[in-house]
C-alpha atoms as a PDB file:
ATOM      1  CA  UNK A   1      11.833 -34.978  65.063  1.00  0.00           C
ATOM      2  CA  UNK A   2      12.755 -34.618  69.149  1.00  0.00           C
ATOM      3  CA  UNK A   3      11.088 -31.921  70.872  1.00  0.00           C
ATOM      4  CA  UNK A   4      12.917 -30.253  74.262  1.00  0.00           C
ATOM      5  CA  UNK A   5      11.860 -27.600  76.926  1.00  0.00           C
ATOM      6  CA  UNK A   6      14.153 -25.612  79.407  1.00  0.00           C
ATOM      7  CA  UNK A   7      13.364 -24.455  82.644  1.00  0.00           C
ATOM      8  CA  UNK A   8      14.480 -21.295  84.548  1.00  0.00           C
ATOM      9  CA  UNK A   9      13.095 -22.665  87.921  1.00  0.00           C
ATOM     10  CA  UNK A  10       9.932 -23.859  88.002  1.00  0.00           C
ATOM     11  CA  UNK A  11       8.963 -21.816  84.757  1.00  0.00           C
ATOM     12  CA  UNK A  12       8.687 -23.059  81.354  1.00  0.00           C
ATOM     13  CA  UNK A  13      11.287 -20.534  79.178  1.00  0.00           C
ATOM     14  CA  UNK A  14      11.295 -22.390  75.193  1.00  0.00           C
ATOM     15  CA  UNK A  15       9.910 -25.763  74.272  1.00  0.00           C
ATOM     16  CA  UNK A  16      10.369 -26.686  70.766  1.00  0.00           C
ATOM     17  CA  UNK A  17      13.604 -27.950  68.292  1.00  0.00           C
ATOM     18  CA  UNK A  18      16.537 -28.122  70.338  1.00  0.00           C
ATOM     19  CA  UNK A  19      18.045 -25.273  68.382  1.00  0.00           C
ATOM     20  CA  UNK A  20      14.964 -23.041  68.803  1.00  0.00           C
ATOM     21  CA  UNK A  21      15.080 -23.766  72.550  1.00  0.00           C
ATOM     22  CA  UNK A  22      18.860 -23.028  72.500  1.00  0.00           C
ATOM     23  CA  UNK A  23      18.197 -19.974  70.901  1.00  0.00           C
ATOM     24  CA  UNK A  24      15.558 -18.725  73.658  1.00  0.00           C
ATOM     25  CA  UNK A  25      17.723 -20.211  76.585  1.00  0.00           C
ATOM     26  CA  UNK A  26      20.736 -18.228  75.002  1.00  0.00           C
ATOM     27  CA  UNK A  27      18.345 -15.090  74.729  1.00  0.00           C
ATOM     28  CA  UNK A  28      17.841 -15.654  78.200  1.00  0.00           C
ATOM     29  CA  UNK A  29      21.769 -16.398  79.439  1.00  0.00           C
ATOM     30  CA  UNK A  30      22.701 -12.614  78.033  1.00  0.00           C
ATOM     31  CA  UNK A  31      20.522 -10.961  80.218  1.00  0.00           C
ATOM     32  CA  UNK A  32      20.346 -12.801  83.002  1.00  0.00           C
ATOM     33  CA  UNK A  33      24.172 -14.432  83.336  1.00  0.00           C
ATOM     34  CA  UNK A  34      23.523 -16.327  86.541  1.00  0.00           C
ATOM     35  CA  UNK A  35      20.455 -17.856  85.175  1.00  0.00           C
ATOM     36  CA  UNK A  36      20.260 -21.686  85.972  1.00  0.00           C
ATOM     37  CA  UNK A  37      18.676 -23.030  81.992  1.00  0.00           C
ATOM     38  CA  UNK A  38      17.717 -26.159  82.494  1.00  0.00           C
ATOM     39  CA  UNK A  39      16.966 -28.332  78.951  1.00  0.00           C
ATOM     40  CA  UNK A  40      14.912 -31.277  78.709  1.00  0.00           C
ATOM     41  CA  UNK A  41      14.543 -33.958  75.978  1.00  0.00           C
ATOM     42  CA  UNK A  42      10.825 -34.449  75.868  1.00  0.00           C
ATOM     43  CA  UNK A  43      10.758 -37.974  74.739  1.00  0.00           C
ATOM     44  CA  UNK A  44      13.009 -39.347  77.396  1.00  0.00           C
ATOM     45  CA  UNK A  45      12.683 -37.119  80.359  1.00  0.00           C
ATOM     46  CA  UNK A  46      16.985 -36.515  80.276  1.00  0.00           C
ATOM     47  CA  UNK A  47      18.399 -33.289  81.151  1.00  0.00           C
ATOM     48  CA  UNK A  48      20.270 -31.733  77.457  1.00  0.00           C
ATOM     49  CA  UNK A  49      23.341 -29.720  78.313  1.00  0.00           C
ATOM     50  CA  UNK A  50      23.763 -26.743  76.476  1.00  0.00           C
ATOM     51  CA  UNK A  51      26.921 -24.563  76.646  1.00  0.00           C
ATOM     52  CA  UNK A  52      25.711 -20.638  76.099  1.00  0.00           C
ATOM     53  CA  UNK A  53      29.168 -18.981  75.999  1.00  0.00           C
ATOM     54  CA  UNK A  54      29.840 -17.265  72.881  1.00  0.00           C
ATOM     55  CA  UNK A  55      27.655 -15.989  70.183  1.00  0.00           C
ATOM     56  CA  UNK A  56      24.529 -17.553  69.219  1.00  0.00           C
ATOM     57  CA  UNK A  57      26.224 -18.905  66.306  1.00  0.00           C
ATOM     58  CA  UNK A  58      29.126 -20.634  68.674  1.00  0.00           C
ATOM     59  CA  UNK A  59      26.135 -22.361  70.991  1.00  0.00           C
ATOM     60  CA  UNK A  60      23.723 -23.598  67.862  1.00  0.00           C
ATOM     61  CA  UNK A  61      27.865 -25.198  66.039  1.00  0.00           C
ATOM     62  CA  UNK A  62      28.093 -27.158  69.323  1.00  0.00           C
ATOM     63  CA  UNK A  63      25.170 -28.389  69.455  1.00  0.00           C
ATOM     64  CA  UNK A  64      25.541 -30.768  66.535  1.00  0.00           C
ATOM     65  CA  UNK A  65      26.689 -34.053  67.415  1.00  0.00           C
ATOM     66  CA  UNK A  66      30.021 -34.979  66.293  1.00  0.00           C
ATOM     67  CA  UNK A  67      28.187 -38.697  64.850  1.00  0.00           C
ATOM     68  CA  UNK A  68      26.236 -36.738  62.196  1.00  0.00           C
ATOM     69  CA  UNK A  69      29.491 -35.899  60.601  1.00  0.00           C
ATOM     70  CA  UNK A  70      30.110 -37.304  57.052  1.00  0.00           C
ATOM     71  CA  UNK A  71      31.686 -41.005  57.764  1.00  0.00           C
ATOM     72  CA  UNK A  72      35.708 -40.441  56.393  1.00  0.00           C
ATOM     73  CA  UNK A  73      35.304 -41.783  52.623  1.00  0.00           C
ATOM     74  CA  UNK A  74      38.002 -44.607  52.009  1.00  0.00           C
ATOM     75  CA  UNK A  75      40.357 -43.399  49.327  1.00  0.00           C
ATOM     76  CA  UNK A  76      39.542 -44.869  45.848  1.00  0.00           C
ATOM     77  CA  UNK A  77      42.945 -46.381  45.201  1.00  0.00           C
ATOM     78  CA  UNK A  78      42.779 -48.295  48.777  1.00  0.00           C
ATOM     79  CA  UNK A  79      42.306 -51.822  48.209  1.00  0.00           C
ATOM     80  CA  UNK A  80      39.253 -53.953  49.814  1.00  0.00           C
ATOM     81  CA  UNK A  81      39.895 -56.721  52.109  1.00  0.00           C
ATOM     82  CA  UNK A  82      37.761 -59.906  51.592  1.00  0.00           C
ATOM     83  CA  UNK A  83      34.562 -60.460  53.370  1.00  0.00           C
ATOM     84  CA  UNK A  84      31.186 -58.803  53.445  1.00  0.00           C
ATOM     85  CA  UNK A  85      30.963 -55.170  52.920  1.00  0.00           C
ATOM     86  CA  UNK A  86      30.150 -52.373  55.719  1.00  0.00           C
ATOM     87  CA  UNK A  87      26.149 -52.511  56.044  1.00  0.00           C
ATOM     88  CA  UNK A  88      26.162 -51.136  59.396  1.00  0.00           C
ATOM     89  CA  UNK A  89      26.178 -54.739  61.111  1.00  0.00           C
ATOM     90  CA  UNK A  90      27.452 -54.667  64.654  1.00  0.00           C
ATOM     91  CA  UNK A  91      29.315 -57.525  65.936  1.00  0.00           C
ATOM     92  CA  UNK A  92      29.113 -57.997  69.488  1.00  0.00           C
ATOM     93  CA  UNK A  93      29.133 -61.445  71.488  1.00  0.00           C
ATOM     94  CA  UNK A  94      25.707 -63.448  72.590  1.00  0.00           C
ATOM     95  CA  UNK A  95      26.095 -66.528  75.050  1.00  0.00           C
ATOM     96  CA  UNK A  96      23.309 -69.091  74.452  1.00  0.00           C
ATOM     97  CA  UNK A  97      22.634 -73.063  75.040  1.00  0.00           C
ATOM     98  CA  UNK A  98      23.984 -75.032  72.712  1.00  0.00           C
ATOM     99  CA  UNK A  99      20.691 -76.573  71.921  1.00  0.00           C
ATOM    100  CA  UNK A 100      19.787 -72.907  71.074  1.00  0.00           C
ATOM    101  CA  UNK A 101      22.978 -72.523  68.836  1.00  0.00           C
ATOM    102  CA  UNK A 102      21.783 -75.895  67.009  1.00  0.00           C
ATOM    103  CA  UNK A 103      18.322 -74.583  66.927  1.00  0.00           C
ATOM    104  CA  UNK A 104      19.662 -71.291  65.333  1.00  0.00           C
ATOM    105  CA  UNK A 105      22.452 -73.426  62.964  1.00  0.00           C
ATOM    106  CA  UNK A 106      19.411 -75.055  61.590  1.00  0.00           C
ATOM    107  CA  UNK A 107      17.327 -71.585  60.361  1.00  0.00           C
ATOM    108  CA  UNK A 108      17.569 -70.660  56.710  1.00  0.00           C
ATOM    109  CA  UNK A 109      20.239 -68.225  56.061  1.00  0.00           C
ATOM    110  CA  UNK A 110      22.236 -69.395  59.420  1.00  0.00           C
ATOM    111  CA  UNK A 111      22.441 -67.956  62.950  1.00  0.00           C
ATOM    112  CA  UNK A 112      22.666 -64.603  62.420  1.00  0.00           C
ATOM    113  CA  UNK A 113      19.737 -63.786  59.903  1.00  0.00           C
ATOM    114  CA  UNK A 114      17.334 -66.011  62.234  1.00  0.00           C
ATOM    115  CA  UNK A 115      18.225 -63.549  65.323  1.00  0.00           C
ATOM    116  CA  UNK A 116      17.789 -60.328  63.576  1.00  0.00           C
ATOM    117  CA  UNK A 117      14.875 -62.323  62.240  1.00  0.00           C
ATOM    118  CA  UNK A 118      13.313 -62.715  66.033  1.00  0.00           C
ATOM    119  CA  UNK A 119      14.704 -59.267  67.107  1.00  0.00           C
ATOM    120  CA  UNK A 120      12.810 -57.379  64.263  1.00  0.00           C
ATOM    121  CA  UNK A 121       9.404 -59.327  65.107  1.00  0.00           C
ATOM    122  CA  UNK A 122       9.938 -59.674  69.223  1.00  0.00           C
ATOM    123  CA  UNK A 123      10.394 -55.130  68.446  1.00  0.00           C
ATOM    124  CA  UNK A 124       7.741 -55.180  66.478  1.00  0.00           C
ATOM    125  CA  UNK A 125       5.455 -56.779  68.817  1.00  0.00           C
ATOM    126  CA  UNK A 126       6.242 -54.931  71.806  1.00  0.00           C
ATOM    127  CA  UNK A 127       6.455 -51.586  70.160  1.00  0.00           C
ATOM    128  CA  UNK A 128       3.735 -49.985  72.275  1.00  0.00           C
ATOM    129  CA  UNK A 129       4.602 -51.611  75.546  1.00  0.00           C
ATOM    130  CA  UNK A 130       8.107 -50.021  74.959  1.00  0.00           C
ATOM    131  CA  UNK A 131       6.918 -46.659  74.247  1.00  0.00           C
ATOM    132  CA  UNK A 132       4.687 -46.938  77.198  1.00  0.00           C
ATOM    133  CA  UNK A 133       7.820 -47.708  79.494  1.00  0.00           C
ATOM    134  CA  UNK A 134      10.213 -45.030  77.739  1.00  0.00           C
ATOM    135  CA  UNK A 135       7.221 -42.317  78.752  1.00  0.00           C
ATOM    136  CA  UNK A 136       6.756 -44.001  81.905  1.00  0.00           C
ATOM    137  CA  UNK A 137      10.397 -43.087  82.537  1.00  0.00           C
ATOM    138  CA  UNK A 138      11.064 -39.671  81.408  1.00  0.00           C
ATOM    139  CA  UNK A 139       7.821 -38.992  83.871  1.00  0.00           C
ATOM    140  CA  UNK A 140       9.563 -40.470  86.385  1.00  0.00           C
ATOM    141  CA  UNK A 141      12.956 -38.477  85.049  1.00  0.00           C
ATOM    142  CA  UNK A 142      11.189 -35.281  84.733  1.00  0.00           C
ATOM    143  CA  UNK A 143       9.143 -35.444  88.586  1.00  0.00           C
ATOM    144  CA  UNK A 144      12.250 -35.953  90.410  1.00  0.00           C
ATOM    145  CA  UNK A 145      14.471 -33.547  88.466  1.00  0.00           C
ATOM    146  CA  UNK A 146      11.160 -30.611  88.562  1.00  0.00           C
ATOM    147  CA  UNK A 147       8.902 -31.631  91.325  1.00  0.00           C
ATOM    148  CA  UNK A 148      11.191 -33.285  93.732  1.00  0.00           C
ATOM    149  CA  UNK A 149      11.455 -30.820  96.337  1.00  0.00           C
ATOM    150  CA  UNK A 150       7.092 -29.735  95.259  1.00  0.00           C
ATOM    151  CA  UNK A 151       4.369 -30.431  98.011  1.00  0.00           C
ATOM    152  CA  UNK A 152       2.922 -33.942  97.073  1.00  0.00           C
ATOM    153  CA  UNK A 153       5.978 -35.486  95.030  1.00  0.00           C
ATOM    154  CA  UNK A 154       6.352 -38.853  96.733  1.00  0.00           C
ATOM    155  CA  UNK A 155       2.215 -39.554  96.857  1.00  0.00           C
ATOM    156  CA  UNK A 156       2.175 -37.833  93.376  1.00  0.00           C
ATOM    157  CA  UNK A 157       4.515 -40.750  92.277  1.00  0.00           C
ATOM    158  CA  UNK A 158       3.364 -43.786  94.080  1.00  0.00           C
ATOM    159  CA  UNK A 159       0.013 -42.721  92.319  1.00  0.00           C
ATOM    160  CA  UNK A 160       1.190 -42.440  88.519  1.00  0.00           C
ATOM    161  CA  UNK A 161       2.639 -45.712  88.944  1.00  0.00           C
ATOM    162  CA  UNK A 162      -0.831 -46.942  90.478  1.00  0.00           C
ATOM    163  CA  UNK A 163      -2.037 -45.921  87.693  1.00  0.00           C
ATOM    164  CA  UNK A 164      -4.313 -43.586  89.450  1.00  0.00           C
ATOM    165  CA  UNK A 165      -4.665 -41.446  86.767  1.00  0.00           C
ATOM    166  CA  UNK A 166      -7.947 -39.259  89.081  1.00  0.00           C
ATOM    167  CA  UNK A 167      -5.300 -39.004  92.176  1.00  0.00           C
ATOM    168  CA  UNK A 168      -2.278 -38.088  90.388  1.00  0.00           C
ATOM    169  CA  UNK A 169      -3.713 -34.983  87.894  1.00  0.00           C
ATOM    170  CA  UNK A 170      -5.050 -34.024  92.105  1.00  0.00           C
ATOM    171  CA  UNK A 171      -1.888 -33.987  93.836  1.00  0.00           C
ATOM    172  CA  UNK A 172      -0.240 -31.817  90.921  1.00  0.00           C
ATOM    173  CA  UNK A 173      -2.770 -29.356  91.364  1.00  0.00           C
ATOM    174  CA  UNK A 174      -0.519 -27.481  93.609  1.00  0.00           C
ATOM    175  CA  UNK A 175       2.487 -27.784  92.008  1.00  0.00           C
ATOM    176  CA  UNK A 176       3.796 -24.436  89.286  1.00  0.00           C
ATOM    177  CA  UNK A 177       1.592 -24.610  87.005  1.00  0.00           C
ATOM    178  CA  UNK A 178       4.353 -24.604  84.081  1.00  0.00           C
ATOM    179  CA  UNK A 179       5.348 -28.472  86.091  1.00  0.00           C
ATOM    180  CA  UNK A 180       1.906 -29.656  86.680  1.00  0.00           C
ATOM    181  CA  UNK A 181       1.148 -29.073  82.847  1.00  0.00           C
ATOM    182  CA  UNK A 182       4.593 -30.054  81.386  1.00  0.00           C
ATOM    183  CA  UNK A 183       4.208 -33.797  84.070  1.00  0.00           C
ATOM    184  CA  UNK A 184       0.829 -34.146  82.864  1.00  0.00           C
ATOM    185  CA  UNK A 185       1.675 -33.824  78.859  1.00  0.00           C
ATOM    186  CA  UNK A 186       4.129 -36.391  78.968  1.00  0.00           C
ATOM    187  CA  UNK A 187       2.264 -38.589  81.672  1.00  0.00           C
ATOM    188  CA  UNK A 188      -0.381 -38.455  79.077  1.00  0.00           C
ATOM    189  CA  UNK A 189       1.934 -40.706  76.781  1.00  0.00           C
ATOM    190  CA  UNK A 190       2.108 -42.978  79.706  1.00  0.00           C
ATOM    191  CA  UNK A 191      -0.839 -44.208  80.564  1.00  0.00           C
END
């Protein structure tokens, strides 16, 4: 389950599920309509736009992504066309050299099966590296968004990317506690 964190300036307002953060944000927005509440996805560091207009039920209803809706079910009397049933497979163009196509075509199950198998193997082997890279990108985004105007931002960013953990931690000491602690928490996944 994804978690989110809301900030009001450099102060943490709420953390938790998107609905919990939205509830807390809505409560604060009702109290202070001019407040600029920024919500971030803890995994990606990307900002999440929440529309606080209306009631809490209106706010929560707008949070539900449109792609979570039930897919349309074809009518029972609709005739199925030829070909494979829809299994969530997406067709995209892949450009390879002729020798690569020859090799793929010679594999058991053909090119599609061989490509899926290669992708699955590669994704399993690089999972830990991918997680660290994504965590590093999240730290980058959040440090810029929340700390880009804070003292030592550029040096802290350099220390983070050089892997100088002690220097990074020391540079964050001058930052507001909520921002510092949040960045440290996210950076721990990237080390």
